[in-house]
Amino acid sequence: MTEYLAVAGLRKRFGGLQALDGTTFAIAQGRITCLVGPNGAGKTTIFNIITGFLRPEAGSVTFNGCSLDGKRPQAIVRAGIARTFQHLRLFSDLTALDNVLVGISRQFGEEPLGAIFRPFHAGRAQRRRQQQAHEWLAHVGLADRADERVRNLSYGEQKLLTVARVLATGAELLLLDEPASGLAADALDQVMALLRRLQAEGKTLLVVEHNTRVVQQIADEVLFLHQGHLLAQGEPARIIADPALAEIYFGGAL
């Protein structure tokens, strides 16, 4: 397997809690990898370290052969990695379109001096950004909700909006934190179809997910994390059928 994203020896402690303890894994380009494990296993901590929101006490992260160690979140987005959050972090008083515009990289039209001295170019850049934002909304099935304020969207629509926003960054590696949690059956099917379509379009996905149906439907590979350790890595059927892992995850109910 060619290493696209490689995590090596990550250690992170919060007070007396050892969140990550030498965590090591790699994922390949063009695949959907699901990161699973019980609550407190360290899944979100890994996301936070990969994307620069946390610094580990030890270990390293490389992407496309380049080190991400010490880089700030904005630099990591520019390198090609973007993420969603378990708590959606949308701007509820803004429209869906405005939320996607936030995700689009800064362009000339956003520079104050550019807007003053070259207003035609600034206006053209702004129109281009709005067109791109409309296209990303359409891509996730929200074309008719562009002008709706986020607080008026359903929870499922808000989930789709978070995906549109990370797509707007232009990132090739998407880290999605529980994209299917809390969704009704129809919305769940819509999200799973979208993730598979993104993979077909060339994106690589690392997904934190608790729903084993979703894991079985979308994952090419599963990473099983427990107490900051990677216990197993492999195909979904093998991981889900392992009784020892089932006991850890659901007390035998996996």
Protein backbone atom coordinates (compact mmCIF):
# COMPACT_ATOMS: atom_id res chain seq x y z
CA MET A 1 0.00 0.00 0.00
CA THR A 2 1.37 3.41 -0.99
CA GLU A 3 1.23 5.71 2.02
CA TYR A 4 -0.85 8.81 1.29
CA LEU A 5 -1.36 9.87 4.88
CA ALA A 6 0.95 8.37 7.50
CA VAL A 7 0.58 8.76 11.26
CA ALA A 8 3.56 7.52 13.25
CA GLY A 9 3.91 7.11 17.02
CA LEU A 10 1.42 9.78 18.08
CA ARG A 11 1.21 10.43 21.80
CA LYS A 12 -1.15 12.88 23.43
CA ARG A 13 -2.13 13.27 27.09
CA PHE A 14 -4.86 15.42 28.62
CA GLY A 15 -4.02 15.67 32.30
CA GLY A 16 -4.16 12.10 33.61
CA LEU A 17 -5.76 10.72 30.42
CA GLN A 18 -3.50 9.15 27.80
CA ALA A 19 -5.61 9.87 24.70
CA LEU A 20 -3.08 8.51 22.20
CA ASP A 21 -0.26 6.13 23.05
CA GLY A 22 2.04 5.51 20.11
CA THR A 23 -0.76 5.44 17.52
CA THR A 24 0.55 4.45 14.08
CA PHE A 25 -1.25 3.80 10.80
CA ALA A 26 -1.26 4.73 7.12
CA ILE A 27 -4.01 5.09 4.53
CA ALA A 28 -3.84 4.82 0.75
CA GLN A 29 -4.99 7.38 -1.78
CA GLY A 30 -8.43 7.01 -3.33
CA ARG A 31 -9.91 4.84 -0.58
CA ILE A 32 -12.50 5.31 2.14
CA THR A 33 -11.03 4.39 5.51
CA CYS A 34 -13.28 4.29 8.56
CA LEU A 35 -11.82 5.00 11.99
CA VAL A 36 -13.89 3.15 14.60
CA GLY A 37 -13.75 2.36 18.29
CA PRO A 38 -15.57 3.06 21.55
CA ASN A 39 -16.01 6.54 22.95
CA GLY A 40 -12.75 7.87 24.31
CA ALA A 41 -10.63 5.77 21.96
CA GLY A 42 -8.83 8.84 20.60
CA LYS A 43 -10.50 9.19 17.19
CA THR A 44 -11.27 12.91 17.33
CA THR A 45 -7.88 13.58 18.92
CA ILE A 46 -6.26 12.03 15.84
CA PHE A 47 -8.34 14.31 13.60
CA ASN A 48 -7.34 17.34 15.67
CA ILE A 49 -3.65 16.49 15.40
CA ILE A 50 -3.73 15.74 11.68
CA THR A 51 -5.45 19.06 10.98
CA GLY A 52 -3.24 21.16 13.25
CA PHE A 53 -5.74 21.95 16.02
CA LEU A 54 -3.66 20.01 18.55
CA ARG A 55 0.07 19.37 18.92
CA PRO A 56 1.15 15.88 19.98
CA GLU A 57 3.79 15.26 22.65
CA ALA A 58 5.48 12.81 20.29
CA GLY A 59 5.06 11.36 16.82
CA SER A 60 4.63 12.72 13.32
CA VAL A 61 2.14 13.09 10.49
CA THR A 62 3.09 13.10 6.81
CA PHE A 63 0.87 13.74 3.81
CA ASN A 64 1.97 13.03 0.27
CA GLY A 65 5.48 12.59 1.62
CA CYS A 66 5.57 16.03 3.30
CA SER A 67 5.62 16.57 7.04
CA LEU A 68 2.65 18.32 8.62
CA ASP A 69 4.34 18.63 12.00
CA GLY A 70 3.98 22.11 13.48
CA LYS A 71 1.81 23.43 10.65
CA ARG A 72 -1.20 25.58 11.43
CA PRO A 73 -4.72 24.53 10.35
CA GLN A 74 -4.81 27.02 7.46
CA ALA A 75 -1.55 25.68 6.07
CA ILE A 76 -2.84 22.11 6.30
CA VAL A 77 -5.95 23.06 4.34
CA ARG A 78 -3.70 24.61 1.68
CA ALA A 79 -1.71 21.36 1.64
CA GLY A 80 -4.89 19.51 0.66
CA ILE A 81 -6.61 18.27 3.86
CA ALA A 82 -9.95 19.56 5.15
CA ARG A 83 -12.30 18.31 7.84
CA THR A 84 -15.78 18.43 9.26
CA PHE A 85 -16.58 18.47 12.97
CA GLN A 86 -18.80 16.28 15.11
CA HIS A 87 -20.49 19.50 16.26
CA LEU A 88 -21.14 21.04 12.88
CA ARG A 89 -19.71 24.54 13.49
CA LEU A 90 -21.92 26.17 10.90
CA PHE A 91 -22.88 29.85 10.97
CA SER A 92 -26.56 29.46 11.80
CA ASP A 93 -27.54 33.07 11.00
CA LEU A 94 -25.90 33.00 7.57
CA THR A 95 -27.27 31.38 4.44
CA ALA A 96 -26.11 28.04 3.13
CA LEU A 97 -24.36 29.89 0.30
CA ASP A 98 -22.47 32.14 2.70
CA ASN A 99 -21.33 29.13 4.71
CA VAL A 100 -19.80 27.57 1.60
CA LEU A 101 -18.17 30.87 0.62
CA VAL A 102 -16.32 30.76 3.94
CA GLY A 103 -14.70 27.52 2.79
CA ILE A 104 -13.42 28.84 -0.53
CA SER A 105 -9.80 29.88 -0.45
CA ARG A 106 -9.06 33.58 -0.32
CA GLN A 107 -8.89 35.18 -3.74
CA PHE A 108 -7.93 38.60 -5.03
CA GLY A 109 -11.45 39.97 -4.66
CA GLU A 110 -11.25 39.59 -0.89
CA GLU A 111 -8.24 41.90 -0.55
CA PRO A 112 -9.36 45.38 0.62
CA LEU A 113 -6.83 47.24 -1.57
CA GLY A 114 -7.79 45.14 -4.57
CA ALA A 115 -11.45 46.05 -4.08
CA ILE A 116 -10.53 49.76 -3.91
CA PHE A 117 -8.05 50.03 -6.77
CA ARG A 118 -9.29 47.29 -9.10
CA PRO A 119 -13.03 47.05 -8.41
CA PHE A 120 -13.84 45.35 -11.73
CA HIS A 121 -11.43 42.50 -11.01
CA ALA A 122 -12.60 42.29 -7.41
CA GLY A 123 -16.23 42.09 -8.50
CA ARG A 124 -15.44 39.42 -11.08
CA ALA A 125 -13.59 37.37 -8.46
CA GLN A 126 -16.53 37.65 -6.09
CA ARG A 127 -18.98 36.49 -8.79
CA ARG A 128 -16.69 33.55 -9.55
CA ARG A 129 -16.62 32.56 -5.89
CA GLN A 130 -20.41 32.71 -5.68
CA GLN A 131 -20.74 30.56 -8.77
CA GLN A 132 -18.35 28.01 -7.28
CA ALA A 133 -20.31 28.00 -4.02
CA HIS A 134 -23.56 27.36 -5.91
CA GLU A 135 -21.88 24.47 -7.73
CA TRP A 136 -20.73 22.85 -4.49
CA LEU A 137 -24.20 23.16 -3.01
CA ALA A 138 -25.64 21.51 -6.10
CA HIS A 139 -23.00 18.80 -5.82
CA VAL A 140 -24.32 17.71 -2.42
CA GLY A 141 -27.99 18.12 -3.31
CA LEU A 142 -28.65 21.55 -1.80
CA ALA A 143 -29.01 23.65 -4.95
CA ASP A 144 -32.46 24.88 -3.94
CA ARG A 145 -31.38 25.77 -0.39
CA ALA A 146 -28.64 28.27 -1.21
CA ASP A 147 -30.46 31.32 0.15
CA GLU A 148 -31.92 29.58 3.20
CA ARG A 149 -30.47 30.46 6.60
CA VAL A 150 -28.74 27.50 8.20
CA ARG A 151 -30.98 27.53 11.26
CA ASN A 152 -33.92 26.73 8.96
CA LEU A 153 -32.24 23.69 7.37
CA SER A 154 -32.95 20.17 8.58
CA TYR A 155 -30.20 18.37 10.45
CA GLY A 156 -29.55 16.17 7.44
CA GLU A 157 -29.23 19.22 5.19
CA GLN A 158 -26.81 20.77 7.65
CA LYS A 159 -24.69 17.61 7.49
CA LEU A 160 -24.60 17.88 3.70
CA LEU A 161 -23.67 21.55 4.00
CA THR A 162 -20.59 20.70 6.07
CA VAL A 163 -19.46 18.41 3.26
CA ALA A 164 -20.03 21.16 0.67
CA ARG A 165 -17.92 23.50 2.77
CA VAL A 166 -14.93 21.15 2.93
CA LEU A 167 -15.25 20.46 -0.80
CA ALA A 168 -15.08 24.21 -1.41
CA THR A 169 -11.55 24.27 0.03
CA GLY A 170 -10.35 22.15 -2.89
CA ALA A 171 -8.88 19.55 -0.52
CA GLU A 172 -8.18 16.05 -1.83
CA LEU A 173 -8.19 14.30 1.57
CA LEU A 174 -11.42 14.77 3.52
CA LEU A 175 -11.62 13.97 7.24
CA LEU A 176 -15.29 13.52 8.12
CA ASP A 177 -16.26 13.28 11.80
CA GLU A 178 -19.44 11.17 12.13
CA PRO A 179 -21.12 12.36 8.90
CA ALA A 180 -24.00 9.90 9.36
CA SER A 181 -24.76 10.37 13.05
CA GLY A 182 -28.31 11.36 13.97
CA LEU A 183 -29.72 10.92 10.47
CA ALA A 184 -33.00 9.30 9.47
CA ALA A 185 -32.90 6.42 6.99
CA ASP A 186 -33.44 8.49 3.84
CA ALA A 187 -30.83 11.07 4.79
CA LEU A 188 -28.44 8.28 5.79
CA ASP A 189 -28.72 6.70 2.35
CA GLN A 190 -28.14 10.10 0.74
CA VAL A 191 -24.95 10.68 2.74
CA MET A 192 -23.58 7.21 1.99
CA ALA A 193 -24.23 7.68 -1.73
CA LEU A 194 -22.50 11.06 -1.61
CA LEU A 195 -19.38 9.64 0.06
CA ARG A 196 -19.09 6.89 -2.52
CA ARG A 197 -19.54 9.45 -5.30
CA LEU A 198 -16.78 11.62 -3.85
CA GLN A 199 -14.49 8.60 -3.85
CA ALA A 200 -15.36 7.92 -7.50
CA GLU A 201 -14.42 11.53 -8.25
CA GLY A 202 -10.94 10.98 -6.84
CA LYS A 203 -11.25 12.10 -3.22
CA THR A 204 -9.71 10.16 -0.34
CA LEU A 205 -11.82 9.93 2.82
CA LEU A 206 -10.93 9.21 6.42
CA VAL A 207 -14.21 8.85 8.31
CA VAL A 208 -14.95 8.57 12.03
CA GLU A 209 -18.13 6.51 12.22
CA HIS A 210 -20.06 4.53 14.86
CA ASN A 211 -22.83 3.16 12.67
CA THR A 212 -21.70 -0.33 11.61
CA ARG A 213 -24.18 -0.36 8.72
CA VAL A 214 -22.47 2.74 7.32
CA VAL A 215 -19.02 1.23 7.90
CA GLN A 216 -19.98 -1.95 6.04
CA GLN A 217 -21.50 0.02 3.15
CA ILE A 218 -18.76 2.58 2.51
CA ALA A 219 -15.44 1.43 3.96
CA ASP A 220 -12.63 -0.10 1.95
CA GLU A 221 -10.64 -0.47 5.16
CA VAL A 222 -11.29 -0.10 8.87
CA LEU A 223 -8.96 1.09 11.62
CA PHE A 224 -10.03 -0.06 15.09
CA LEU A 225 -8.80 2.21 17.87
CA HIS A 226 -9.00 1.55 21.60
CA GLN A 227 -7.49 3.59 24.44
CA GLY A 228 -5.16 5.34 22.05
CA HIS A 229 -3.86 2.14 20.46
CA LEU A 230 -4.54 0.76 17.00
CA LEU A 231 -5.81 -2.75 17.76
CA ALA A 232 -6.69 -3.87 14.24
CA GLN A 233 -6.67 -2.76 10.62
CA GLY A 234 -8.35 -4.53 7.72
CA GLU A 235 -11.45 -5.11 5.64
CA PRO A 236 -14.80 -4.21 7.27
CA ALA A 237 -16.15 -7.78 7.26
CA ARG A 238 -13.13 -9.12 9.12
CA ILE A 239 -13.08 -6.34 11.71
CA ILE A 240 -16.82 -6.48 12.38
CA ALA A 241 -16.79 -10.28 12.66
CA ASP A 242 -13.99 -10.30 15.26
CA PRO A 243 -15.64 -11.24 18.60
CA ALA A 244 -12.85 -9.69 20.69
CA LEU A 245 -13.30 -6.33 18.98
CA ALA A 246 -17.08 -6.63 19.26
CA GLU A 247 -16.74 -7.10 23.01
CA ILE A 248 -14.63 -3.94 23.28
CA TYR A 249 -16.87 -1.89 21.01
CA PHE A 250 -20.40 -2.84 22.02
CA GLY A 251 -20.04 -5.34 24.83
CA GLY A 252 -20.51 -8.15 22.31
CA ALA A 253 -23.29 -6.49 20.29
CA LEU A 254 -21.26 -5.63 17.19
